[in-house]
Amino acid sequence: MNRPAVEVADILRVQGDCFREQNRAWLGYQQLNVLRAITSCRTAALGGHLDSCSRCDLQAISYNSCRNRHCPKCQAQARQRWLARREQDLLPVPYFHVVFTLPHALNPLCQRHPRLLYDLLFRATSETMLEVAADRRHLGARIGFLSILHTWGQNLRLHPHLHCVIPAGGFDPDYSRWVHPRYAFFLPVKVLSRVFRGKFIALLQQALRKRRIDYPSTLVRTLLKDDWVVYAKPAFGDPVRVLRYLGRYTHRVAISNQRLLSFDGHYVRFRWKDYAHGNKQRIMTLTASEFLRRFCQHVLPMGFVRIRHFGYLANAHRKALLTLARKLLACLPPATSHLTNSPQAAWRCPRCGANMNIGPNLTVQQLAFRCPDTS
């Protein structure tokens, strides 16, 4: 793959020190650690390995990745490994995609208490989905789904929302048959919106009573004024399409290097999709400092789990209940595909195009000895 014209790491190498110095008051350890990791990713600072071509005699040094989950360059292999594990969880039913979004009035709280607010988002969403699905007026079934947290919009502003991917249907209360959905969008969106709002506000007030959080007394009135945004897409196809679809959401970062257009040392230009005006492609220009500020507000707290499973897909009972689901649906487990049994493709030889074989690791000191200009 060709290197993008601009990378987030390029912006950090030029403006990173200045940005850190000017924003010491609010930058935390985790954010500083992410900035350091992205700056060092695939450079001599992290060491490397000596690779050799499988066809010709070319040898070349490649540098190690930082493997930070916020790094735009380190998500492809993590995504592939995750998809390979999830492949065995797929059922031969359509899948739905439902998105739950927090109102912008909660953004200041999300910035001050990200771990708490995002945990409440997961909890309110899961309780909403499980409760509405169990209601006989809507589905009357015990469902399973996975939720993926995104905190950004296309313009890099704070926009916390959960993507939920749900197999169509679920178990009846006795786990004796599979209940198929009766709605084109799985569950009624208006009902989901109102239940979601009520549950989140109740959890927020509970956190206030426990003194885990503080917020203005007028906030709840503001949150009750409007319906909250819940968006649902109609069912989409077979398990292969489901995996491809999941791959677009699971390991995204706030902005990919491919969206960056230019950086002149002071200003960053990038593409963004304006969903409010017909998904039009637009170009935004920001100062490097503002671009990095927006990027840093999407760094998650250390150890925060951003992909979670609920219902019958929760870890505790997933294997047994998926086996039961396949029995009720009269189907076999999915065959193991190339996702599970193929190694990640090697990088290509720049001389002849053959695969490069990964060679022995080299420390930073060994790299400096072999390539003095990298030290």
Protein backbone atom coordinates (compact mmCIF):
# COMPACT_ATOMS: atom_id res chain seq x y z
CA MET A 1 0.00 0.00 0.00
CA ASN A 2 1.30 3.44 -0.91
CA ARG A 3 2.07 5.78 1.96
CA PRO A 4 -0.59 8.52 2.38
CA ALA A 5 0.44 12.05 1.47
CA VAL A 6 0.17 13.07 5.13
CA GLU A 7 0.00 11.07 8.35
CA VAL A 8 -1.00 12.05 11.88
CA ALA A 9 2.57 11.16 12.85
CA ASP A 10 3.90 13.85 10.45
CA ILE A 11 1.81 16.49 12.21
CA LEU A 12 3.05 15.32 15.61
CA ARG A 13 6.70 15.39 14.57
CA VAL A 14 6.39 19.03 13.53
CA GLN A 15 3.89 20.43 16.04
CA GLY A 16 3.72 17.77 18.78
CA ASP A 17 6.16 19.37 21.23
CA CYS A 18 4.50 22.78 20.90
CA PHE A 19 1.04 21.25 21.34
CA ARG A 20 2.07 19.34 24.46
CA GLU A 21 3.68 22.42 25.97
CA GLN A 22 0.62 24.61 25.35
CA ASN A 23 -1.90 22.03 26.63
CA ARG A 24 -0.20 20.60 29.71
CA ALA A 25 -3.14 21.67 31.89
CA TRP A 26 -5.57 19.10 30.44
CA LEU A 27 -3.50 16.45 28.65
CA GLY A 28 -3.42 13.26 30.73
CA TYR A 29 -0.96 10.38 30.86
CA GLN A 30 -2.99 8.25 28.46
CA GLN A 31 -3.20 11.00 25.83
CA LEU A 32 0.51 11.78 26.10
CA ASN A 33 1.28 8.07 25.79
CA VAL A 34 -0.82 7.83 22.60
CA LEU A 35 0.93 10.84 21.08
CA ARG A 36 4.35 9.32 21.83
CA ALA A 37 3.32 5.95 20.39
CA ILE A 38 1.99 7.41 17.12
CA THR A 39 5.10 9.56 16.71
CA SER A 40 7.40 6.53 17.15
CA CYS A 41 5.32 4.02 15.18
CA ARG A 42 7.31 2.27 12.43
CA THR A 43 10.46 4.25 13.15
CA ALA A 44 13.87 3.16 14.43
CA ALA A 45 12.81 4.27 17.94
CA LEU A 46 10.81 1.03 18.36
CA GLY A 47 13.36 -1.33 16.82
CA GLY A 48 12.71 -3.45 13.76
CA HIS A 49 13.64 -6.61 11.89
CA LEU A 50 15.75 -7.62 8.91
CA ASP A 51 13.55 -9.03 6.14
CA SER A 52 14.56 -10.87 3.01
CA CYS A 53 12.86 -11.41 -0.34
CA SER A 54 11.52 -14.91 -1.01
CA ARG A 55 12.65 -14.69 -4.66
CA CYS A 56 15.64 -12.40 -5.09
CA ASP A 57 18.53 -11.60 -2.72
CA LEU A 58 17.18 -8.24 -1.51
CA GLN A 59 17.32 -7.57 2.22
CA ALA A 60 15.58 -4.64 3.90
CA ILE A 61 14.94 -3.36 7.40
CA SER A 62 11.34 -2.77 8.46
CA TYR A 63 10.45 -0.98 11.68
CA ASN A 64 8.12 -2.21 14.42
CA SER A 65 4.60 -0.90 14.96
CA CYS A 66 3.48 0.75 18.19
CA ARG A 67 0.29 -1.41 18.28
CA ASN A 68 -1.60 1.35 20.06
CA ARG A 69 -5.33 1.08 19.42
CA HIS A 70 -5.56 4.80 18.65
CA CYS A 71 -2.82 4.69 16.00
CA PRO A 72 -4.10 5.07 12.40
CA LYS A 73 -1.40 2.68 11.13
CA CYS A 74 -1.87 -0.21 13.56
CA GLN A 75 -5.46 -1.35 13.13
CA ALA A 76 -5.42 -3.62 10.06
CA GLN A 77 -3.93 -6.71 11.72
CA ALA A 78 -5.93 -6.21 14.94
CA ARG A 79 -9.10 -5.99 12.86
CA GLN A 80 -8.22 -9.17 10.96
CA ARG A 81 -7.57 -11.13 14.15
CA TRP A 82 -10.81 -9.92 15.74
CA LEU A 83 -12.88 -10.79 12.65
CA ALA A 84 -11.35 -14.28 12.57
CA ARG A 85 -12.49 -14.87 16.15
CA ARG A 86 -15.98 -13.52 15.49
CA GLU A 87 -16.46 -15.57 12.34
CA GLN A 88 -17.50 -18.61 14.37
CA ASP A 89 -20.23 -16.57 16.13
CA LEU A 90 -22.20 -15.79 12.95
CA LEU A 91 -25.69 -17.20 12.46
CA PRO A 92 -27.45 -17.78 9.11
CA VAL A 93 -29.94 -14.93 9.67
CA PRO A 94 -30.05 -11.33 8.48
CA TYR A 95 -28.30 -8.76 10.68
CA PHE A 96 -29.44 -5.29 11.74
CA HIS A 97 -27.42 -2.17 12.54
CA VAL A 98 -28.79 0.24 15.18
CA VAL A 99 -26.97 3.40 16.34
CA PHE A 100 -27.60 5.12 19.70
CA THR A 101 -26.29 8.70 20.01
CA LEU A 102 -25.82 10.87 23.10
CA PRO A 103 -27.12 14.47 22.84
CA HIS A 104 -24.46 17.15 22.44
CA ALA A 105 -25.58 18.68 25.77
CA LEU A 106 -23.72 15.80 27.44
CA ASN A 107 -20.40 16.52 25.69
CA PRO A 108 -18.93 18.56 28.58
CA LEU A 109 -19.64 15.68 30.97
CA CYS A 110 -18.12 13.19 28.52
CA GLN A 111 -14.94 15.27 28.46
CA ARG A 112 -14.71 15.46 32.26
CA HIS A 113 -15.85 11.90 33.07
CA PRO A 114 -15.32 9.79 29.93
CA ARG A 115 -15.09 6.41 31.64
CA LEU A 116 -18.29 6.91 33.62
CA LEU A 117 -20.34 8.47 30.80
CA TYR A 118 -19.31 5.87 28.21
CA ASP A 119 -20.01 3.04 30.67
CA LEU A 120 -23.47 4.54 31.23
CA LEU A 121 -23.97 4.69 27.46
CA PHE A 122 -23.19 0.97 27.12
CA ARG A 123 -25.42 0.11 30.08
CA ALA A 124 -28.41 2.23 29.01
CA THR A 125 -28.20 0.95 25.45
CA SER A 126 -27.95 -2.73 26.41
CA GLU A 127 -30.80 -2.48 28.93
CA THR A 128 -32.94 -0.71 26.34
CA MET A 129 -32.33 -3.29 23.63
CA LEU A 130 -32.87 -6.29 25.91
CA GLU A 131 -36.01 -4.83 27.53
CA VAL A 132 -37.75 -3.71 24.32
CA ALA A 133 -36.87 -6.98 22.54
CA ALA A 134 -38.27 -9.04 25.44
CA ASP A 135 -41.60 -7.16 25.26
CA ARG A 136 -44.16 -9.40 23.51
CA ARG A 137 -45.65 -6.33 21.81
CA HIS A 138 -42.44 -5.95 19.80
CA LEU A 139 -40.50 -9.23 19.58
CA GLY A 140 -40.89 -11.26 22.78
CA ALA A 141 -37.41 -12.72 22.52
CA ARG A 142 -34.04 -12.86 24.26
CA ILE A 143 -31.61 -11.32 21.82
CA GLY A 144 -27.84 -11.01 21.50
CA PHE A 145 -25.77 -8.23 20.00
CA LEU A 146 -22.40 -6.50 20.06
CA SER A 147 -21.86 -2.78 20.63
CA ILE A 148 -18.96 -0.67 19.36
CA LEU A 149 -18.19 2.76 20.82
CA HIS A 150 -17.26 5.65 18.54
CA THR A 151 -16.74 9.07 20.10
CA TRP A 152 -16.15 11.17 16.99
CA GLY A 153 -17.96 12.73 14.08
CA GLN A 154 -16.44 13.15 10.63
CA ASN A 155 -15.23 16.64 11.56
CA LEU A 156 -13.41 15.22 14.63
CA ARG A 157 -15.77 16.94 17.08
CA LEU A 158 -16.99 14.95 20.08
CA HIS A 159 -19.98 12.83 19.03
CA PRO A 160 -20.33 9.76 21.31
CA HIS A 161 -22.47 6.97 19.84
CA LEU A 162 -22.75 3.19 19.87
CA HIS A 163 -23.01 0.98 16.80
CA CYS A 164 -25.02 -2.15 17.65
CA VAL A 165 -24.96 -5.15 15.30
CA ILE A 166 -27.78 -7.61 16.00
CA PRO A 167 -28.70 -11.02 14.53
CA ALA A 168 -32.35 -10.93 13.44
CA GLY A 169 -34.52 -12.59 16.09
CA GLY A 170 -33.77 -14.41 19.31
CA PHE A 171 -34.86 -17.15 21.71
CA ASP A 172 -38.36 -17.36 23.11
CA PRO A 173 -38.52 -17.11 26.95
CA ASP A 174 -38.21 -20.91 27.28
CA TYR A 175 -35.31 -21.18 24.80
CA SER A 176 -37.39 -23.72 22.88
CA ARG A 177 -37.73 -21.94 19.52
CA TRP A 178 -36.27 -19.08 17.48
CA VAL A 179 -38.44 -15.95 17.24
CA HIS A 180 -38.13 -14.03 13.97
CA PRO A 181 -38.56 -10.21 13.87
CA ARG A 182 -41.77 -8.62 12.65
CA TYR A 183 -40.37 -5.15 11.83
CA ALA A 184 -38.25 -4.07 8.85
CA PHE A 185 -35.92 -2.28 11.30
CA PHE A 186 -35.92 -5.07 13.94
CA LEU A 187 -37.46 -2.97 16.75
CA PRO A 188 -39.50 0.29 16.65
CA VAL A 189 -37.04 3.19 16.68
CA LYS A 190 -39.34 5.63 18.52
CA VAL A 191 -39.76 3.18 21.38
CA LEU A 192 -36.01 2.55 21.54
CA SER A 193 -35.35 6.30 21.61
CA ARG A 194 -37.68 7.02 24.52
CA VAL A 195 -36.62 4.03 26.62
CA PHE A 196 -32.95 4.84 25.96
CA ARG A 197 -33.42 8.45 27.08
CA GLY A 198 -35.24 7.41 30.25
CA LYS A 199 -32.68 4.79 31.23
CA PHE A 200 -29.67 7.01 30.60
CA ILE A 201 -31.11 9.94 32.59
CA ALA A 202 -32.00 7.58 35.46
CA LEU A 203 -28.44 6.25 35.52
CA LEU A 204 -27.07 9.80 35.37
CA GLN A 205 -29.20 10.86 38.35
CA GLN A 206 -28.08 7.75 40.23
CA ALA A 207 -24.45 8.74 39.65
CA LEU A 208 -25.25 12.22 40.97
CA ARG A 209 -26.80 10.80 44.16
CA LYS A 210 -23.69 8.69 44.71
CA ARG A 211 -21.57 11.84 44.20
CA ARG A 212 -19.67 10.23 41.35
CA ILE A 213 -20.45 13.19 39.11
CA ASP A 214 -21.68 16.78 39.27
CA TYR A 215 -23.71 18.65 36.65
CA PRO A 216 -26.02 21.70 36.41
CA SER A 217 -29.53 21.26 37.76
CA THR A 218 -30.96 22.40 34.41
CA LEU A 219 -29.26 19.60 32.46
CA VAL A 220 -31.98 16.98 32.94
CA ARG A 221 -34.67 19.42 31.76
CA THR A 222 -32.56 20.10 28.67
CA LEU A 223 -32.14 16.39 27.98
CA LEU A 224 -35.89 15.76 28.28
CA LYS A 225 -36.86 18.41 25.72
CA ASP A 226 -36.19 16.35 22.59
CA ASP A 227 -36.24 12.75 21.44
CA TRP A 228 -32.81 11.17 21.44
CA VAL A 229 -31.34 9.98 18.16
CA VAL A 230 -31.62 6.25 17.49
CA TYR A 231 -30.98 5.25 13.90
CA ALA A 232 -31.66 1.83 12.41
CA LYS A 233 -30.81 0.30 9.07
CA PRO A 234 -32.82 -2.50 7.44
CA ALA A 235 -31.41 -6.01 7.52
CA PHE A 236 -28.32 -6.78 5.50
CA GLY A 237 -27.13 -10.06 4.04
CA ASP A 238 -25.11 -13.18 4.48
CA PRO A 239 -22.35 -13.83 7.05
CA VAL A 240 -19.54 -12.82 4.66
CA ARG A 241 -21.16 -9.41 4.18
CA VAL A 242 -21.65 -9.14 7.93
CA LEU A 243 -17.93 -9.65 8.53
CA ARG A 244 -17.01 -7.05 5.93
CA TYR A 245 -19.53 -4.66 7.44
CA LEU A 246 -18.17 -5.20 10.95
CA GLY A 247 -14.65 -4.56 9.70
CA ARG A 248 -15.67 -1.00 8.83
CA TYR A 249 -16.58 -0.20 12.44
CA THR A 250 -14.69 -2.32 14.95
CA HIS A 251 -11.15 -0.93 14.81
CA ARG A 252 -11.61 2.58 13.50
CA VAL A 253 -9.74 5.50 14.97
CA ALA A 254 -10.88 9.13 15.06
CA ILE A 255 -9.41 9.83 11.62
CA SER A 256 -7.54 7.67 9.12
CA ASN A 257 -4.38 8.87 7.39
CA GLN A 258 -6.15 8.39 4.06
CA ARG A 259 -8.50 11.29 4.85
CA LEU A 260 -5.63 13.74 5.37
CA LEU A 261 -4.94 15.88 2.30
CA SER A 262 -2.12 18.24 3.24
CA PHE A 263 -0.07 19.75 6.06
CA ASP A 264 2.09 22.84 5.50
CA GLY A 265 3.60 22.91 8.98
CA HIS A 266 0.79 25.02 10.45
CA TYR A 267 -2.52 24.02 8.88
CA VAL A 268 -4.06 20.58 8.29
CA ARG A 269 -6.56 19.88 5.50
CA PHE A 270 -8.72 16.75 5.52
CA ARG A 271 -11.82 15.30 3.88
CA TRP A 272 -15.02 14.85 5.84
CA LYS A 273 -18.55 13.73 5.06
CA ASP A 274 -21.31 16.17 5.96
CA TYR A 275 -24.14 13.88 7.05
CA ALA A 276 -26.40 16.83 7.87
CA HIS A 277 -26.38 17.96 4.22
CA GLY A 278 -26.85 14.87 2.10
CA ASN A 279 -23.51 13.17 2.90
CA LYS A 280 -21.63 15.74 0.85
CA GLN A 281 -17.84 15.41 0.75
CA ARG A 282 -16.25 18.57 2.15
CA ILE A 283 -12.76 19.75 3.03
CA MET A 284 -11.92 21.19 6.44
CA THR A 285 -8.85 23.25 7.34
CA LEU A 286 -7.68 23.42 10.96
CA THR A 287 -4.59 24.68 12.70
CA ALA A 288 -2.32 21.84 13.76
CA SER A 289 -3.05 22.65 17.41
CA GLU A 290 -6.82 22.46 16.93
CA PHE A 291 -6.51 19.27 14.88
CA LEU A 292 -4.46 17.60 17.63
CA ARG A 293 -6.84 18.89 20.32
CA ARG A 294 -9.80 17.30 18.53
CA PHE A 295 -7.85 14.09 17.98
CA CYS A 296 -6.86 13.82 21.67
CA GLN A 297 -10.41 14.12 22.97
CA HIS A 298 -11.10 10.71 21.41
CA VAL A 299 -8.36 8.91 23.36
CA LEU A 300 -10.18 6.44 25.61
CA PRO A 301 -9.31 5.86 29.27
CA MET A 302 -6.69 3.18 29.87
CA GLY A 303 -8.17 -0.32 29.74
CA PHE A 304 -11.59 0.88 28.60
CA VAL A 305 -13.33 -1.85 26.55
CA ARG A 306 -14.92 -0.30 23.47
CA ILE A 307 -16.37 -3.50 21.92
CA ARG A 308 -18.80 -5.35 24.19
CA HIS A 309 -21.19 -8.29 23.82
CA PHE A 310 -24.65 -8.58 25.38
CA GLY A 311 -27.55 -10.99 25.70
CA TYR A 312 -26.85 -14.50 24.45
CA LEU A 313 -23.62 -13.21 22.85
CA ALA A 314 -22.18 -12.25 26.25
CA ASN A 315 -19.00 -14.17 27.02
CA ALA A 316 -20.41 -16.29 29.86
CA HIS A 317 -22.93 -18.27 27.77
CA ARG A 318 -22.03 -17.46 24.17
CA LYS A 319 -20.76 -20.87 23.07
CA ALA A 320 -23.63 -22.91 24.52
CA LEU A 321 -26.36 -20.54 23.33
CA LEU A 322 -24.92 -20.23 19.82
CA THR A 323 -24.95 -24.04 19.63
CA LEU A 324 -28.60 -24.03 20.69
CA ALA A 325 -29.43 -21.26 18.20
CA ARG A 326 -27.94 -23.28 15.34
CA LYS A 327 -29.94 -26.30 16.44
CA LEU A 328 -33.18 -24.30 16.44
CA LEU A 329 -32.28 -22.77 13.07
CA ALA A 330 -31.30 -26.21 11.72
CA CYS A 331 -27.88 -25.10 10.53
CA LEU A 332 -24.24 -26.10 10.97
CA PRO A 333 -21.43 -23.94 12.40
CA PRO A 334 -19.77 -21.77 9.75
CA ALA A 335 -16.84 -23.39 7.97
CA THR A 336 -13.41 -22.04 8.85
CA SER A 337 -12.36 -19.62 6.14
CA HIS A 338 -9.23 -17.82 5.05
CA LEU A 339 -9.75 -15.33 7.88
CA THR A 340 -8.86 -17.97 10.44
CA ASN A 341 -6.20 -20.09 8.80
CA SER A 342 -4.20 -17.70 6.63
CA PRO A 343 -1.28 -15.70 7.98
CA GLN A 344 -1.24 -11.98 7.37
CA ALA A 345 0.15 -11.25 3.91
CA ALA A 346 3.78 -10.19 3.94
CA TRP A 347 4.91 -6.91 2.48
CA ARG A 348 6.13 -6.99 -1.10
CA CYS A 349 9.69 -6.79 -2.36
CA PRO A 350 10.24 -3.35 -3.94
CA ARG A 351 12.54 -4.93 -6.54
CA CYS A 352 10.66 -8.01 -7.84
CA GLY A 353 7.25 -7.88 -6.13
CA ALA A 354 7.56 -11.23 -4.31
CA ASN A 355 6.65 -11.65 -0.61
CA MET A 356 9.23 -10.47 1.89
CA ASN A 357 10.01 -12.99 4.66
CA ILE A 358 10.02 -11.51 8.16
CA GLY A 359 13.50 -11.84 9.63
CA PRO A 360 15.08 -11.60 13.09
CA ASN A 361 14.29 -8.73 15.45
CA LEU A 362 16.76 -5.88 15.79
CA THR A 363 17.00 -3.66 18.86
CA VAL A 364 17.31 0.10 18.65
CA GLN A 365 21.07 -0.25 19.28
CA GLN A 366 21.46 -2.88 16.54
CA LEU A 367 19.56 -0.65 14.11
CA ALA A 368 21.81 2.27 14.96
CA PHE A 369 24.87 0.08 14.29
CA ARG A 370 23.53 -1.17 10.94
CA CYS A 371 22.05 2.17 9.85
CA PRO A 372 23.89 5.04 11.56
CA ASP A 373 21.63 7.63 9.90
CA THR A 374 18.57 6.31 11.83
CA SER A 375 19.97 7.07 15.27
